[in-house]
Amino acid sequence: MYQSLKVLAAALVFGGVVAAAGVKNQAADSPCKRLAQEPCQAQGCSWVKSYKTTKGKEVAAFCRKKPERKTTSAAAAPKS
């Protein structure tokens, strides 16, 4: 009896940790999500047109954050 309670308690704790991690990721959403085309471009985001996949699935147009460029130490260092 007590063994099954321990297993149940461990499962609940693990489930809580997993749920909390999911909430944290939702809070870090892009500011470009769910914007229409005009506000998307005004925010400096990229508008992706709707398209059809090779399997025939329709993908609706959406706004996405532009990728950030990574600077390397060689590119950031001034040339002499």
PDB file of N, CA and C in Angstrom:
ATOM      1  N   MET A   1       0.832  -1.195   0.000  1.00  0.00           N
ATOM      2  CA  MET A   1       0.000   0.000   0.000  1.00  0.00           C
ATOM      3  C   MET A   1       0.872   1.253   0.000  1.00  0.00           C
ATOM      4  N   TYR A   2       1.852   1.312   0.917  1.00  0.00           N
ATOM      5  CA  TYR A   2       2.698   2.503   1.004  1.00  0.00           C
ATOM      6  C   TYR A   2       3.608   2.639  -0.224  1.00  0.00           C
ATOM      7  N   GLN A   3       3.985   1.512  -0.787  1.00  0.00           N
ATOM      8  CA  GLN A   3       4.823   1.548  -1.981  1.00  0.00           C
ATOM      9  C   GLN A   3       4.074   2.198  -3.140  1.00  0.00           C
ATOM     10  N   SER A   4       2.811   1.865  -3.308  1.00  0.00           N
ATOM     11  CA  SER A   4       2.031   2.461  -4.399  1.00  0.00           C
ATOM     12  C   SER A   4       1.802   3.946  -4.162  1.00  0.00           C
ATOM     13  N   LEU A   5       1.687   4.372  -2.910  1.00  0.00           N
ATOM     14  CA  LEU A   5       1.557   5.799  -2.606  1.00  0.00           C
ATOM     15  C   LEU A   5       2.841   6.553  -2.942  1.00  0.00           C
ATOM     16  N   LYS A   6       3.981   5.915  -2.668  1.00  0.00           N
ATOM     17  CA  LYS A   6       5.268   6.534  -3.008  1.00  0.00           C
ATOM     18  C   LYS A   6       5.397   6.716  -4.522  1.00  0.00           C
ATOM     19  N   VAL A   7       4.986   5.706  -5.266  1.00  0.00           N
ATOM     20  CA  VAL A   7       5.057   5.774  -6.724  1.00  0.00           C
ATOM     21  C   VAL A   7       4.123   6.867  -7.242  1.00  0.00           C
ATOM     22  N   LEU A   8       2.917   6.945  -6.680  1.00  0.00           N
ATOM     23  CA  LEU A   8       1.959   7.965  -7.084  1.00  0.00           C
ATOM     24  C   LEU A   8       2.486   9.366  -6.769  1.00  0.00           C
ATOM     25  N   ALA A   9       3.062   9.547  -5.592  1.00  0.00           N
ATOM     26  CA  ALA A   9       3.610  10.853  -5.206  1.00  0.00           C
ATOM     27  C   ALA A   9       4.754  11.244  -6.138  1.00  0.00           C
ATOM     28  N   ALA A  10       5.618  10.305  -6.471  1.00  0.00           N
ATOM     29  CA  ALA A  10       6.740  10.592  -7.373  1.00  0.00           C
ATOM     30  C   ALA A  10       6.222  10.980  -8.750  1.00  0.00           C
ATOM     31  N   ALA A  11       5.187  10.297  -9.212  1.00  0.00           N
ATOM     32  CA  ALA A  11       4.620  10.611 -10.522  1.00  0.00           C
ATOM     33  C   ALA A  11       4.007  12.009 -10.525  1.00  0.00           C
ATOM     34  N   LEU A  12       3.341  12.396  -9.457  1.00  0.00           N
ATOM     35  CA  LEU A  12       2.747  13.729  -9.365  1.00  0.00           C
ATOM     36  C   LEU A  12       3.817  14.814  -9.340  1.00  0.00           C
ATOM     37  N   VAL A  13       4.889  14.585  -8.608  1.00  0.00           N
ATOM     38  CA  VAL A  13       5.980  15.567  -8.558  1.00  0.00           C
ATOM     39  C   VAL A  13       6.625  15.705  -9.931  1.00  0.00           C
ATOM     40  N   PHE A  14       6.895  14.581 -10.586  1.00  0.00           N
ATOM     41  CA  PHE A  14       7.502  14.617 -11.911  1.00  0.00           C
ATOM     42  C   PHE A  14       6.583  15.331 -12.900  1.00  0.00           C
ATOM     43  N   GLY A  15       5.289  15.057 -12.839  1.00  0.00           N
ATOM     44  CA  GLY A  15       4.325  15.716 -13.714  1.00  0.00           C
ATOM     45  C   GLY A  15       4.293  17.214 -13.481  1.00  0.00           C
ATOM     46  N   GLY A  16       4.415  17.644 -12.230  1.00  0.00           N
ATOM     47  CA  GLY A  16       4.444  19.074 -11.919  1.00  0.00           C
ATOM     48  C   GLY A  16       5.666  19.760 -12.486  1.00  0.00           C
ATOM     49  N   VAL A  17       6.805  19.083 -12.415  1.00  0.00           N
ATOM     50  CA  VAL A  17       8.045  19.654 -12.961  1.00  0.00           C
ATOM     51  C   VAL A  17       7.934  19.788 -14.475  1.00  0.00           C
ATOM     52  N   VAL A  18       7.400  18.784 -15.128  1.00  0.00           N
ATOM     53  CA  VAL A  18       7.246  18.820 -16.585  1.00  0.00           C
ATOM     54  C   VAL A  18       6.263  19.920 -16.974  1.00  0.00           C
ATOM     55  N   ALA A  19       5.170  20.065 -16.239  1.00  0.00           N
ATOM     56  CA  ALA A  19       4.182  21.102 -16.537  1.00  0.00           C
ATOM     57  C   ALA A  19       4.777  22.486 -16.331  1.00  0.00           C
ATOM     58  N   ALA A  20       5.568  22.673 -15.294  1.00  0.00           N
ATOM     59  CA  ALA A  20       6.198  23.972 -15.035  1.00  0.00           C
ATOM     60  C   ALA A  20       7.180  24.328 -16.143  1.00  0.00           C
ATOM     61  N   ALA A  21       7.886  23.353 -16.671  1.00  0.00           N
ATOM     62  CA  ALA A  21       8.817  23.614 -17.777  1.00  0.00           C
ATOM     63  C   ALA A  21       8.060  24.053 -19.014  1.00  0.00           C
ATOM     64  N   GLY A  22       6.889  23.488 -19.255  1.00  0.00           N
ATOM     65  CA  GLY A  22       6.083  23.879 -20.400  1.00  0.00           C
ATOM     66  C   GLY A  22       5.574  25.300 -20.274  1.00  0.00           C
ATOM     67  N   VAL A  23       5.213  25.722 -19.081  1.00  0.00           N
ATOM     68  CA  VAL A  23       4.743  27.089 -18.856  1.00  0.00           C
ATOM     69  C   VAL A  23       5.878  28.074 -19.086  1.00  0.00           C
ATOM     70  N   LYS A  24       7.071  27.737 -18.686  1.00  0.00           N
ATOM     71  CA  LYS A  24       8.224  28.619 -18.870  1.00  0.00           C
ATOM     72  C   LYS A  24       8.470  28.859 -20.357  1.00  0.00           C
ATOM     73  N   ASN A  25       8.364  27.826 -21.186  1.00  0.00           N
ATOM     74  CA  ASN A  25       8.586  27.974 -22.620  1.00  0.00           C
ATOM     75  C   ASN A  25       7.516  28.836 -23.268  1.00  0.00           C
ATOM     76  N   GLN A  26       6.290  28.776 -22.793  1.00  0.00           N
ATOM     77  CA  GLN A  26       5.232  29.588 -23.351  1.00  0.00           C
ATOM     78  C   GLN A  26       5.464  31.057 -23.060  1.00  0.00           C
ATOM     79  N   ALA A  27       6.071  31.369 -21.923  1.00  0.00           N
ATOM     80  CA  ALA A  27       6.312  32.757 -21.558  1.00  0.00           C
ATOM     81  C   ALA A  27       7.369  33.387 -22.464  1.00  0.00           C
ATOM     82  N   ALA A  28       8.228  32.590 -23.084  1.00  0.00           N
ATOM     83  CA  ALA A  28       9.299  33.105 -23.925  1.00  0.00           C
ATOM     84  C   ALA A  28       8.889  33.166 -25.395  1.00  0.00           C
ATOM     85  N   ASP A  29       7.581  33.237 -25.674  1.00  0.00           N
ATOM     86  CA  ASP A  29       7.112  33.313 -27.048  1.00  0.00           C
ATOM     87  C   ASP A  29       7.649  34.557 -27.747  1.00  0.00           C
ATOM     88  N   SER A  30       7.762  34.458 -29.047  1.00  0.00           N
ATOM     89  CA  SER A  30       8.225  35.561 -29.867  1.00  0.00           C
ATOM     90  C   SER A  30       7.197  36.687 -29.883  1.00  0.00           C
ATOM     91  N   PRO A  31       7.636  37.941 -29.920  1.00  0.00           N
ATOM     92  CA  PRO A  31       6.690  39.057 -30.016  1.00  0.00           C
ATOM     93  C   PRO A  31       6.003  39.097 -31.386  1.00  0.00           C
ATOM     94  N   CYS A  32       6.471  38.308 -32.320  1.00  0.00           N
ATOM     95  CA  CYS A  32       5.919  38.300 -33.677  1.00  0.00           C
ATOM     96  C   CYS A  32       4.748  37.338 -33.828  1.00  0.00           C
ATOM     97  N   LYS A  33       4.552  36.459 -32.875  1.00  0.00           N
ATOM     98  CA  LYS A  33       3.494  35.459 -33.005  1.00  0.00           C
ATOM     99  C   LYS A  33       2.124  36.098 -33.054  1.00  0.00           C
ATOM    100  N   ARG A  34       1.262  35.527 -33.884  1.00  0.00           N
ATOM    101  CA  ARG A  34      -0.144  35.896 -34.016  1.00  0.00           C
ATOM    102  C   ARG A  34      -0.357  37.325 -34.499  1.00  0.00           C
ATOM    103  N   LEU A  35       0.598  37.887 -35.231  1.00  0.00           N
ATOM    104  CA  LEU A  35       0.422  39.222 -35.801  1.00  0.00           C
ATOM    105  C   LEU A  35      -0.080  39.100 -37.232  1.00  0.00           C
ATOM    106  N   ALA A  36      -0.866  40.073 -37.657  1.00  0.00           N
ATOM    107  CA  ALA A  36      -1.291  40.149 -39.053  1.00  0.00           C
ATOM    108  C   ALA A  36      -0.121  40.670 -39.884  1.00  0.00           C
ATOM    109  N   GLN A  37      -0.271  40.698 -41.204  1.00  0.00           N
ATOM    110  CA  GLN A  37       0.838  41.046 -42.082  1.00  0.00           C
ATOM    111  C   GLN A  37       1.363  42.463 -41.849  1.00  0.00           C
ATOM    112  N   GLU A  38       0.490  43.445 -41.784  1.00  0.00           N
ATOM    113  CA  GLU A  38       0.932  44.839 -41.609  1.00  0.00           C
ATOM    114  C   GLU A  38       1.680  45.039 -40.285  1.00  0.00           C
ATOM    115  N   PRO A  39       1.099  44.651 -39.137  1.00  0.00           N
ATOM    116  CA  PRO A  39       1.827  44.820 -37.874  1.00  0.00           C
ATOM    117  C   PRO A  39       3.099  43.976 -37.811  1.00  0.00           C
ATOM    118  N   CYS A  40       3.091  42.848 -38.486  1.00  0.00           N
ATOM    119  CA  CYS A  40       4.265  41.976 -38.513  1.00  0.00           C
ATOM    120  C   CYS A  40       5.460  42.717 -39.113  1.00  0.00           C
ATOM    121  N   GLN A  41       5.239  43.316 -40.263  1.00  0.00           N
ATOM    122  CA  GLN A  41       6.324  44.022 -40.936  1.00  0.00           C
ATOM    123  C   GLN A  41       6.716  45.289 -40.186  1.00  0.00           C
ATOM    124  N   ALA A  42       5.764  45.931 -39.501  1.00  0.00           N
ATOM    125  CA  ALA A  42       6.070  47.124 -38.723  1.00  0.00           C
ATOM    126  C   ALA A  42       6.928  46.781 -37.507  1.00  0.00           C
ATOM    127  N   GLN A  43       6.804  45.553 -36.983  1.00  0.00           N
ATOM    128  CA  GLN A  43       7.581  45.111 -35.823  1.00  0.00           C
ATOM    129  C   GLN A  43       8.996  44.694 -36.229  1.00  0.00           C
ATOM    130  N   GLY A  44       9.266  44.613 -37.512  1.00  0.00           N
ATOM    131  CA  GLY A  44      10.579  44.159 -37.965  1.00  0.00           C
ATOM    132  C   GLY A  44      10.665  42.640 -38.053  1.00  0.00           C
ATOM    133  N   CYS A  45       9.520  41.986 -38.122  1.00  0.00           N
ATOM    134  CA  CYS A  45       9.470  40.535 -38.252  1.00  0.00           C
ATOM    135  C   CYS A  45       9.365  40.165 -39.732  1.00  0.00           C
ATOM    136  N   SER A  46       9.347  38.881 -40.018  1.00  0.00           N
ATOM    137  CA  SER A  46       9.223  38.404 -41.399  1.00  0.00           C
ATOM    138  C   SER A  46       7.857  37.778 -41.610  1.00  0.00           C
ATOM    139  N   TRP A  47       7.225  38.085 -42.733  1.00  0.00           N
ATOM    140  CA  TRP A  47       5.935  37.496 -43.084  1.00  0.00           C
ATOM    141  C   TRP A  47       6.184  36.323 -44.015  1.00  0.00           C
ATOM    142  N   VAL A  48       5.694  35.154 -43.646  1.00  0.00           N
ATOM    143  CA  VAL A  48       5.840  33.945 -44.453  1.00  0.00           C
ATOM    144  C   VAL A  48       4.503  33.681 -45.135  1.00  0.00           C
ATOM    145  N   LYS A  49       4.510  33.621 -46.460  1.00  0.00           N
ATOM    146  CA  LYS A  49       3.276  33.395 -47.218  1.00  0.00           C
ATOM    147  C   LYS A  49       2.784  31.962 -47.017  1.00  0.00           C
ATOM    148  N   SER A  50       1.491  31.773 -47.234  1.00  0.00           N
ATOM    149  CA  SER A  50       0.920  30.428 -47.114  1.00  0.00           C
ATOM    150  C   SER A  50       1.497  29.550 -48.223  1.00  0.00           C
ATOM    151  N   TYR A  51       1.549  28.252 -47.939  1.00  0.00           N
ATOM    152  CA  TYR A  51       2.084  27.319 -48.925  1.00  0.00           C
ATOM    153  C   TYR A  51       1.489  25.940 -48.698  1.00  0.00           C
ATOM    154  N   LYS A  52       1.740  25.052 -49.649  1.00  0.00           N
ATOM    155  CA  LYS A  52       1.265  23.677 -49.564  1.00  0.00           C
ATOM    156  C   LYS A  52       2.488  22.772 -49.494  1.00  0.00           C
ATOM    157  N   THR A  53       2.496  21.831 -48.530  1.00  0.00           N
ATOM    158  CA  THR A  53       3.621  20.918 -48.387  1.00  0.00           C
ATOM    159  C   THR A  53       3.586  19.867 -49.489  1.00  0.00           C
ATOM    160  N   THR A  54       4.647  19.097 -49.593  1.00  0.00           N
ATOM    161  CA  THR A  54       4.696  18.046 -50.603  1.00  0.00           C
ATOM    162  C   THR A  54       3.669  16.956 -50.334  1.00  0.00           C
ATOM    163  N   LYS A  55       3.217  16.852 -49.081  1.00  0.00           N
ATOM    164  CA  LYS A  55       2.179  15.868 -48.744  1.00  0.00           C
ATOM    165  C   LYS A  55       0.780  16.437 -48.944  1.00  0.00           C
ATOM    166  N   GLY A  56       0.680  17.695 -49.402  1.00  0.00           N
ATOM    167  CA  GLY A  56      -0.603  18.294 -49.707  1.00  0.00           C
ATOM    168  C   GLY A  56      -1.243  19.080 -48.581  1.00  0.00           C
ATOM    169  N   LYS A  57      -0.547  19.235 -47.464  1.00  0.00           N
ATOM    170  CA  LYS A  57      -1.113  19.970 -46.330  1.00  0.00           C
ATOM    171  C   LYS A  57      -0.958  21.469 -46.560  1.00  0.00           C
ATOM    172  N   GLU A  58      -2.037  22.224 -46.323  1.00  0.00           N
ATOM    173  CA  GLU A  58      -2.006  23.685 -46.446  1.00  0.00           C
ATOM    174  C   GLU A  58      -1.438  24.287 -45.161  1.00  0.00           C
ATOM    175  N   VAL A  59      -0.473  25.153 -45.294  1.00  0.00           N
ATOM    176  CA  VAL A  59       0.094  25.876 -44.163  1.00  0.00           C
ATOM    177  C   VAL A  59      -0.307  27.331 -44.328  1.00  0.00           C
ATOM    178  N   ALA A  60      -0.977  27.870 -43.326  1.00  0.00           N
ATOM    179  CA  ALA A  60      -1.453  29.252 -43.394  1.00  0.00           C
ATOM    180  C   ALA A  60      -0.283  30.222 -43.274  1.00  0.00           C
ATOM    181  N   ALA A  61      -0.445  31.418 -43.815  1.00  0.00           N
ATOM    182  CA  ALA A  61       0.583  32.456 -43.704  1.00  0.00           C
ATOM    183  C   ALA A  61       0.758  32.814 -42.233  1.00  0.00           C
ATOM    184  N   PHE A  62       1.988  33.207 -41.865  1.00  0.00           N
ATOM    185  CA  PHE A  62       2.252  33.545 -40.475  1.00  0.00           C
ATOM    186  C   PHE A  62       3.421  34.515 -40.366  1.00  0.00           C
ATOM    187  N   CYS A  63       3.526  35.108 -39.202  1.00  0.00           N
ATOM    188  CA  CYS A  63       4.600  36.057 -38.899  1.00  0.00           C
ATOM    189  C   CYS A  63       5.640  35.341 -38.050  1.00  0.00           C
ATOM    190  N   ARG A  64       6.914  35.590 -38.336  1.00  0.00           N
ATOM    191  CA  ARG A  64       7.982  34.967 -37.548  1.00  0.00           C
ATOM    192  C   ARG A  64       9.073  35.969 -37.250  1.00  0.00           C
ATOM    193  N   LYS A  65       9.790  35.727 -36.175  1.00  0.00           N
ATOM    194  CA  LYS A  65      10.901  36.578 -35.781  1.00  0.00           C
ATOM    195  C   LYS A  65      12.065  36.340 -36.733  1.00  0.00           C
ATOM    196  N   LYS A  66      12.711  37.418 -37.139  1.00  0.00           N
ATOM    197  CA  LYS A  66      13.876  37.270 -38.010  1.00  0.00           C
ATOM    198  C   LYS A  66      15.005  36.633 -37.214  1.00  0.00           C
ATOM    199  N   PRO A  67      15.796  35.781 -37.849  1.00  0.00           N
ATOM    200  CA  PRO A  67      16.905  35.150 -37.134  1.00  0.00           C
ATOM    201  C   PRO A  67      17.949  36.184 -36.731  1.00  0.00           C
ATOM    202  N   GLU A  68      18.538  35.959 -35.579  1.00  0.00           N
ATOM    203  CA  GLU A  68      19.583  36.862 -35.104  1.00  0.00           C
ATOM    204  C   GLU A  68      20.925  36.372 -35.618  1.00  0.00           C
ATOM    205  N   ARG A  69      21.734  37.293 -36.081  1.00  0.00           N
ATOM    206  CA  ARG A  69      23.052  36.926 -36.584  1.00  0.00           C
ATOM    207  C   ARG A  69      23.995  36.710 -35.414  1.00  0.00           C
ATOM    208  N   LYS A  70      24.766  35.668 -35.525  1.00  0.00           N
ATOM    209  CA  LYS A  70      25.790  35.389 -34.504  1.00  0.00           C
ATOM    210  C   LYS A  70      27.087  36.028 -34.959  1.00  0.00           C
ATOM    211  N   THR A  71      27.735  36.702 -34.058  1.00  0.00           N
ATOM    212  CA  THR A  71      29.027  37.296 -34.399  1.00  0.00           C
ATOM    213  C   THR A  71      30.115  36.394 -33.823  1.00  0.00           C
ATOM    214  N   THR A  72      31.126  36.145 -34.625  1.00  0.00           N
ATOM    215  CA  THR A  72      32.257  35.355 -34.153  1.00  0.00           C
ATOM    216  C   THR A  72      33.341  36.318 -33.691  1.00  0.00           C
ATOM    217  N   SER A  73      34.238  35.838 -32.897  1.00  0.00           N
ATOM    218  CA  SER A  73      35.303  36.696 -32.389  1.00  0.00           C
ATOM    219  C   SER A  73      36.167  37.233 -33.536  1.00  0.00           C
ATOM    220  N   ALA A  74      36.357  36.452 -34.590  1.00  0.00           N
ATOM    221  CA  ALA A  74      37.159  36.895 -35.726  1.00  0.00           C
ATOM    222  C   ALA A  74      36.438  38.012 -36.484  1.00  0.00           C
ATOM    223  N   ALA A  75      35.137  37.905 -36.610  1.00  0.00           N
ATOM    224  CA  ALA A  75      34.376  38.925 -37.343  1.00  0.00           C
ATOM    225  C   ALA A  75      34.220  40.191 -36.504  1.00  0.00           C
ATOM    226  N   ALA A  76      34.164  40.042 -35.199  1.00  0.00           N
ATOM    227  CA  ALA A  76      33.970  41.190 -34.316  1.00  0.00           C
ATOM    228  C   ALA A  76      35.279  41.960 -34.086  1.00  0.00           C
ATOM    229  N   ALA A  77      36.398  41.295 -34.229  1.00  0.00           N
ATOM    230  CA  ALA A  77      37.688  41.944 -33.988  1.00  0.00           C
ATOM    231  C   ALA A  77      38.042  42.875 -35.140  1.00  0.00           C
ATOM    232  N   PRO A  78      38.530  44.074 -34.826  1.00  0.00           N
ATOM    233  CA  PRO A  78      38.901  44.992 -35.908  1.00  0.00           C
ATOM    234  C   PRO A  78      40.127  44.483 -36.659  1.00  0.00           C
ATOM    235  N   LYS A  79      40.140  44.724 -37.963  1.00  0.00           N
ATOM    236  CA  LYS A  79      41.267  44.287 -38.796  1.00  0.00           C
ATOM    237  C   LYS A  79      42.360  45.330 -38.745  1.00  0.00           C
ATOM    238  N   SER A  80      43.594  44.888 -38.743  1.00  0.00           N
ATOM    239  CA  SER A  80      44.715  45.844 -38.693  1.00  0.00           C
ATOM    240  C   SER A  80      45.359  46.031 -40.036  1.00  0.00           C
TER     241      SER A  80
END
